[in-house]
Amino acid sequence: MNPITTFAGTAVAVPADNVDTDQIIPAEYLKVTDTSGLADGLFKAWRYLPDGRPNPDFPLNRPEAAGATVLIAGANFGCGSSREHAPWALTGYGFRAVIAPSFADIFRNNSLKNGLLPITVDDETYHELLSLVAEDPATMVTIDLERQRVVLPSGRTVSFPIDAFAKYCLVNGVDQLGFLQQQEQAVLAYEAATPTTLNTRDG
């Protein structure tokens, strides 16, 4: 998992509310157990026309969206099923952060565990970002995870909350298993210094 500390990225907006995980990545892609090929299925029903050609009206297909790493999404983003494939598809495409007014809880937790930073902002900031992207599709925002803030093109900073453990993992580029593996020496030292006892009951 790649660490997330501070980065500047082009923002692209898909502002629909209540986008569920099936719209993010269709069920037909759930057969895989890693990120291979999932980027192709991201927002498939919206990105492609019935004949398979890219839909020129969908934001991700516009030339200025190429290389975007920040997705501006609508409220309750990631609702629906608990599939981890949704954040896998987003990171596979190249997104490192999603900014929205709110997220579905399971999607947010899955994202934090899989190297995707979900950032909750107030409605004013959300609509400001939508306006900025509409006016200039090359709009870039800076994400500073260590200070927990988004820096807008104007220089205005917006703070966002994040669980301390999830922040540690993202900043250090480790998942939960990786964190546990980092504690191996501490566990061994504790076991060596702690007498082994056997609890028994009398009679």
Protein backbone atom coordinates (compact mmCIF):
# COMPACT_ATOMS: atom_id res chain seq x y z
CA MET A 1 0.00 0.00 0.00
CA ASN A 2 1.48 3.34 -1.03
CA PRO A 3 1.84 5.89 1.80
CA ILE A 4 -0.33 9.01 1.74
CA THR A 5 1.21 12.07 3.33
CA THR A 6 0.85 15.26 1.27
CA PHE A 7 0.07 15.39 -2.44
CA ALA A 8 -1.49 17.74 -5.00
CA GLY A 9 -3.84 16.24 -7.53
CA THR A 10 -6.26 17.15 -10.28
CA ALA A 11 -9.87 16.88 -9.12
CA VAL A 12 -12.74 15.43 -11.14
CA ALA A 13 -16.37 15.62 -10.02
CA VAL A 14 -19.04 12.92 -10.14
CA PRO A 15 -21.56 14.77 -7.94
CA ALA A 16 -24.49 12.34 -7.87
CA ASP A 17 -25.81 11.53 -4.39
CA ASN A 18 -26.30 7.97 -3.10
CA VAL A 19 -23.88 6.36 -5.54
CA ASP A 20 -23.86 2.73 -4.46
CA THR A 21 -21.06 0.20 -4.73
CA ASP A 22 -22.72 -1.56 -7.68
CA GLN A 23 -22.52 1.70 -9.63
CA ILE A 24 -18.89 2.10 -8.59
CA ILE A 25 -17.99 -1.46 -9.67
CA PRO A 26 -20.61 -3.87 -11.10
CA ALA A 27 -21.13 -7.30 -9.58
CA GLU A 28 -19.63 -8.99 -12.65
CA TYR A 29 -16.20 -7.86 -11.43
CA LEU A 30 -16.50 -9.46 -8.01
CA LYS A 31 -14.87 -12.70 -9.11
CA VAL A 32 -11.37 -11.28 -8.67
CA THR A 33 -9.64 -11.08 -5.30
CA ASP A 34 -7.19 -8.29 -6.17
CA THR A 35 -7.25 -5.03 -8.09
CA SER A 36 -6.35 -6.54 -11.47
CA GLY A 37 -8.64 -5.18 -14.16
CA LEU A 38 -11.01 -3.41 -11.79
CA ALA A 39 -10.14 0.05 -13.12
CA ASP A 40 -11.79 -0.90 -16.43
CA GLY A 41 -15.07 -1.54 -14.62
CA LEU A 42 -15.12 1.65 -12.55
CA PHE A 43 -18.46 3.41 -13.12
CA LYS A 44 -18.92 1.07 -16.09
CA ALA A 45 -22.62 1.81 -16.69
CA TRP A 46 -21.86 5.53 -16.89
CA ARG A 47 -18.44 5.50 -18.56
CA TYR A 48 -19.49 3.44 -21.57
CA LEU A 49 -22.28 3.57 -24.10
CA PRO A 50 -24.35 0.43 -24.87
CA ASP A 51 -22.07 -0.32 -27.84
CA GLY A 52 -18.99 -0.25 -25.58
CA ARG A 53 -17.63 3.11 -26.69
CA PRO A 54 -16.63 5.63 -23.98
CA ASN A 55 -19.43 8.02 -23.11
CA PRO A 56 -18.02 11.48 -23.99
CA ASP A 57 -20.35 13.16 -21.50
CA PHE A 58 -19.09 11.26 -18.46
CA PRO A 59 -16.57 13.33 -16.45
CA LEU A 60 -13.87 10.64 -16.27
CA ASN A 61 -13.81 10.38 -20.07
CA ARG A 62 -13.04 14.03 -20.68
CA PRO A 63 -9.43 14.74 -21.67
CA GLU A 64 -8.84 17.14 -18.80
CA ALA A 65 -9.67 14.36 -16.29
CA ALA A 66 -6.74 12.21 -17.39
CA GLY A 67 -4.50 11.49 -14.43
CA ALA A 68 -6.95 12.82 -11.84
CA THR A 69 -6.20 11.56 -8.33
CA VAL A 70 -8.97 13.29 -6.36
CA LEU A 71 -12.64 12.42 -6.86
CA ILE A 72 -15.32 14.88 -5.75
CA ALA A 73 -18.38 12.76 -5.02
CA GLY A 74 -21.92 13.34 -3.78
CA ALA A 75 -23.49 12.66 -0.40
CA ASN A 76 -23.70 9.10 0.98
CA PHE A 77 -21.09 7.91 -1.48
CA GLY A 78 -20.46 4.17 -1.46
CA CYS A 79 -23.79 3.03 -0.05
CA GLY A 80 -25.15 -0.45 -0.81
CA SER A 81 -23.14 -3.63 -0.47
CA SER A 82 -19.98 -4.10 1.56
CA ARG A 83 -17.76 -5.07 -1.40
CA GLU A 84 -14.11 -4.06 -0.98
CA HIS A 85 -13.90 -4.07 -4.77
CA ALA A 86 -15.30 -0.51 -4.77
CA PRO A 87 -12.23 1.13 -3.20
CA TRP A 88 -10.04 -1.32 -5.15
CA ALA A 89 -11.54 -0.05 -8.41
CA LEU A 90 -11.04 3.59 -7.40
CA THR A 91 -7.41 3.10 -6.39
CA GLY A 92 -6.80 0.92 -9.43
CA TYR A 93 -7.96 3.80 -11.61
CA GLY A 94 -5.56 6.14 -9.85
CA PHE A 95 -7.64 7.93 -7.22
CA ARG A 96 -5.93 8.50 -3.89
CA ALA A 97 -8.70 10.45 -2.17
CA VAL A 98 -12.46 10.95 -2.42
CA ILE A 99 -13.99 14.17 -1.10
CA ALA A 100 -17.71 14.13 -0.31
CA PRO A 101 -20.26 15.57 2.13
CA SER A 102 -20.75 12.08 3.60
CA PHE A 103 -19.88 8.43 3.04
CA ALA A 104 -21.54 5.12 3.75
CA ASP A 105 -19.85 3.71 6.87
CA ILE A 106 -18.76 0.36 5.41
CA PHE A 107 -17.35 1.99 2.28
CA ARG A 108 -15.42 4.50 4.37
CA ASN A 109 -13.93 1.75 6.53
CA ASN A 110 -13.06 -0.39 3.50
CA SER A 111 -11.38 2.60 1.87
CA LEU A 112 -9.24 3.35 4.91
CA LYS A 113 -8.11 -0.29 4.98
CA ASN A 114 -7.19 -0.28 1.29
CA GLY A 115 -5.20 2.91 0.77
CA LEU A 116 -8.01 5.25 -0.30
CA LEU A 117 -8.55 8.40 1.77
CA PRO A 118 -12.24 9.37 2.25
CA ILE A 119 -12.50 13.05 3.20
CA THR A 120 -15.72 14.46 4.61
CA VAL A 121 -16.27 18.18 4.07
CA ASP A 122 -19.06 20.62 4.84
CA ASP A 123 -21.64 21.52 2.19
CA GLU A 124 -20.11 24.95 1.56
CA THR A 125 -16.71 23.46 0.75
CA TYR A 126 -18.31 20.72 -1.35
CA HIS A 127 -20.20 23.19 -3.53
CA GLU A 128 -17.13 25.43 -3.80
CA LEU A 129 -15.15 22.47 -5.14
CA LEU A 130 -17.88 21.66 -7.65
CA SER A 131 -17.85 25.28 -8.87
CA LEU A 132 -14.05 25.33 -9.15
CA VAL A 133 -13.98 22.12 -11.20
CA ALA A 134 -16.83 23.35 -13.43
CA GLU A 135 -14.99 26.60 -14.11
CA ASP A 136 -11.56 25.01 -14.55
CA PRO A 137 -11.41 21.24 -15.17
CA ALA A 138 -7.68 21.38 -14.44
CA THR A 139 -8.35 22.45 -10.84
CA MET A 140 -5.88 20.95 -8.38
CA VAL A 141 -6.30 20.53 -4.66
CA THR A 142 -3.68 19.63 -2.08
CA ILE A 143 -4.33 16.87 0.44
CA ASP A 144 -2.27 17.07 3.61
CA LEU A 145 -3.09 13.95 5.60
CA GLU A 146 -0.52 14.56 8.32
CA ARG A 147 -2.19 17.89 9.17
CA GLN A 148 -5.64 16.56 8.20
CA ARG A 149 -6.51 19.35 5.83
CA VAL A 150 -7.48 20.07 2.23
CA VAL A 151 -5.90 23.13 0.63
CA LEU A 152 -8.07 24.76 -2.05
CA PRO A 153 -6.61 26.69 -5.00
CA SER A 154 -7.40 29.95 -3.18
CA GLY A 155 -5.19 28.85 -0.30
CA ARG A 156 -8.13 28.28 2.02
CA THR A 157 -7.64 25.23 4.21
CA VAL A 158 -10.37 22.86 5.33
CA SER A 159 -9.82 20.41 8.17
CA PHE A 160 -11.20 16.89 8.08
CA PRO A 161 -11.53 14.14 10.69
CA ILE A 162 -9.91 10.71 10.51
CA ASP A 163 -9.45 7.83 12.94
CA ALA A 164 -5.94 7.95 14.45
CA PHE A 165 -5.12 4.32 13.70
CA ALA A 166 -6.34 4.58 10.10
CA LYS A 167 -4.27 7.74 9.69
CA TYR A 168 -1.15 5.98 10.98
CA CYS A 169 -1.64 3.11 8.52
CA LEU A 170 -2.21 5.41 5.53
CA VAL A 171 0.73 7.69 6.35
CA ASN A 172 3.01 4.69 6.78
CA GLY A 173 1.64 2.70 3.85
CA VAL A 174 0.64 -0.37 5.85
CA ASP A 175 -2.62 -2.25 6.18
CA GLN A 176 -3.84 -3.79 9.44
CA LEU A 177 -1.89 -7.00 8.85
CA GLY A 178 1.24 -5.01 8.06
CA PHE A 179 0.81 -3.06 11.29
CA LEU A 180 0.61 -6.28 13.30
CA GLN A 181 3.69 -7.63 11.56
CA GLN A 182 5.55 -4.46 12.55
CA GLN A 183 4.88 -5.33 16.19
CA GLU A 184 6.53 -8.77 16.00
CA GLN A 185 9.69 -7.82 17.92
CA ALA A 186 7.69 -6.06 20.62
CA VAL A 187 5.45 -9.12 21.00
CA LEU A 188 8.46 -11.45 21.22
CA ALA A 189 10.12 -9.20 23.80
CA TYR A 190 6.93 -9.12 25.86
CA GLU A 191 6.58 -12.89 25.72
CA ALA A 192 10.21 -13.36 26.75
CA ALA A 193 9.82 -11.04 29.73
CA THR A 194 6.46 -12.41 30.87
CA PRO A 195 6.36 -15.70 32.83
CA THR A 196 4.09 -18.32 31.39
CA THR A 197 1.42 -19.28 33.88
CA LEU A 198 -1.12 -22.05 33.80
CA ASN A 199 -4.40 -21.33 35.48
CA THR A 200 -5.94 -24.38 37.15
CA ARG A 201 -8.87 -24.90 39.40
CA ASP A 202 -8.57 -26.67 42.70
CA GLY A 203 -10.14 -30.08 43.03
